[in-house]
Amino acid sequence: MDIRTKQYPSNWELSAARAAEVARMLVRAGFDPAKLSIEAFAQYRPKVPNDSQAGRATNRRTEIVYQRGSIRKHMVNILRR
C-alpha cells in the first residue's frame, strides 16, 4: 500500500524520515554524526510480503548496521511496529 500525503508524497520519503529520526536519536545518544549515514528502501526491500496488515507492520522497521572497516559486525532490528 503506497502512502501519498503532503508530508510524505511516497514511501521513500516516509522511509527516509524514519531512518533520519533514528540517526537523530543516535546523535543525541552520543554517536558521531560524521560516522553515520542513512538509506531508505521504501517498499523495495520488504522482510516479508506486503500483502497483509501483519506483513506491512513487520516491514515498518529500521535496521542498524554496524561496520568496522569493511567487515559487517552486527545487524539489529530496532523498530518493530
Protein backbone atom coordinates (compact mmCIF):
# COMPACT_ATOMS: atom_id res chain seq x y z
CA MET A 1 0.00 0.00 0.00
CA ASP A 2 1.60 3.24 -1.13
CA ILE A 3 1.46 6.34 1.01
CA ARG A 4 0.67 9.66 -0.62
CA THR A 5 0.32 12.63 1.71
CA LYS A 6 1.55 16.21 1.66
CA GLN A 7 4.25 15.36 4.23
CA TYR A 8 5.19 12.02 2.61
CA PRO A 9 4.48 12.05 -1.14
CA SER A 10 5.76 8.45 -1.41
CA ASN A 11 7.02 5.51 0.63
CA TRP A 12 10.58 6.69 0.01
CA GLU A 13 10.02 9.94 1.88
CA LEU A 14 8.42 8.07 4.77
CA SER A 15 11.23 5.50 4.84
CA ALA A 16 13.88 8.25 4.76
CA ALA A 17 12.12 10.16 7.55
CA ARG A 18 12.13 7.05 9.75
CA ALA A 19 15.84 6.47 9.08
CA ALA A 20 16.66 10.13 9.75
CA GLU A 21 14.82 10.04 13.08
CA VAL A 22 16.84 7.01 14.18
CA ALA A 23 20.06 8.81 13.15
CA ARG A 24 18.99 11.84 15.22
CA MET A 25 18.35 9.57 18.22
CA LEU A 26 21.82 8.06 17.85
CA VAL A 27 23.43 11.51 17.66
CA ARG A 28 21.55 12.59 20.80
CA ALA A 29 22.87 9.42 22.47
CA GLY A 30 26.44 10.47 21.68
CA PHE A 31 27.25 8.89 18.31
CA ASP A 32 29.45 10.95 15.99
CA PRO A 33 27.21 12.22 13.16
CA ALA A 34 30.20 12.23 10.79
CA LYS A 35 30.24 8.44 11.09
CA LEU A 36 26.53 7.88 10.39
CA SER A 37 24.65 7.50 7.15
CA ILE A 38 21.10 6.54 6.30
CA GLU A 39 19.48 4.61 3.49
CA ALA A 40 15.81 4.36 2.64
CA PHE A 41 14.46 1.43 0.66
CA ALA A 42 10.71 2.09 0.91
CA GLN A 43 8.80 -0.94 -0.37
CA TYR A 44 11.78 -2.32 -2.30
CA ARG A 45 13.36 -4.45 0.45
CA PRO A 46 10.50 -5.99 2.41
CA LYS A 47 11.30 -8.60 5.03
CA VAL A 48 8.00 -10.40 4.37
CA PRO A 49 5.31 -9.97 1.68
CA ASN A 50 3.42 -6.66 1.97
CA ASP A 51 0.07 -8.26 1.11
CA SER A 52 -1.43 -8.20 4.62
CA GLN A 53 -1.69 -5.80 7.54
CA ALA A 54 0.62 -8.03 9.58
CA GLY A 55 3.17 -8.13 6.76
CA ARG A 56 3.11 -4.34 6.37
CA ALA A 57 3.54 -3.95 10.14
CA THR A 58 6.57 -6.28 10.07
CA ASN A 59 8.08 -4.29 7.21
CA ARG A 60 7.80 -1.00 9.10
CA ARG A 61 11.25 -1.27 10.59
CA THR A 62 14.62 0.37 10.81
CA GLU A 63 17.77 -1.71 10.62
CA ILE A 64 21.04 -0.55 12.11
CA VAL A 65 24.22 -1.88 10.54
CA TYR A 66 27.44 -1.53 12.49
CA GLN A 67 30.57 -1.73 10.36
CA ARG A 68 34.19 -1.56 11.37
CA GLY A 69 36.33 -1.08 8.32
CA SER A 70 34.73 -3.09 5.58
CA ILE A 71 33.59 -6.02 7.74
CA ARG A 72 29.95 -6.13 8.80
CA LYS A 73 29.79 -6.97 12.50
CA HIS A 74 26.17 -6.59 13.59
CA MET A 75 22.76 -6.01 12.10
CA VAL A 76 19.95 -5.24 14.55
CA ASN A 77 16.27 -4.52 14.00
CA ILE A 78 15.36 -1.77 16.48
CA LEU A 79 11.93 -0.66 15.44
CA ARG A 80 9.01 -3.01 15.01
CA ARG A 81 5.58 -1.52 14.61
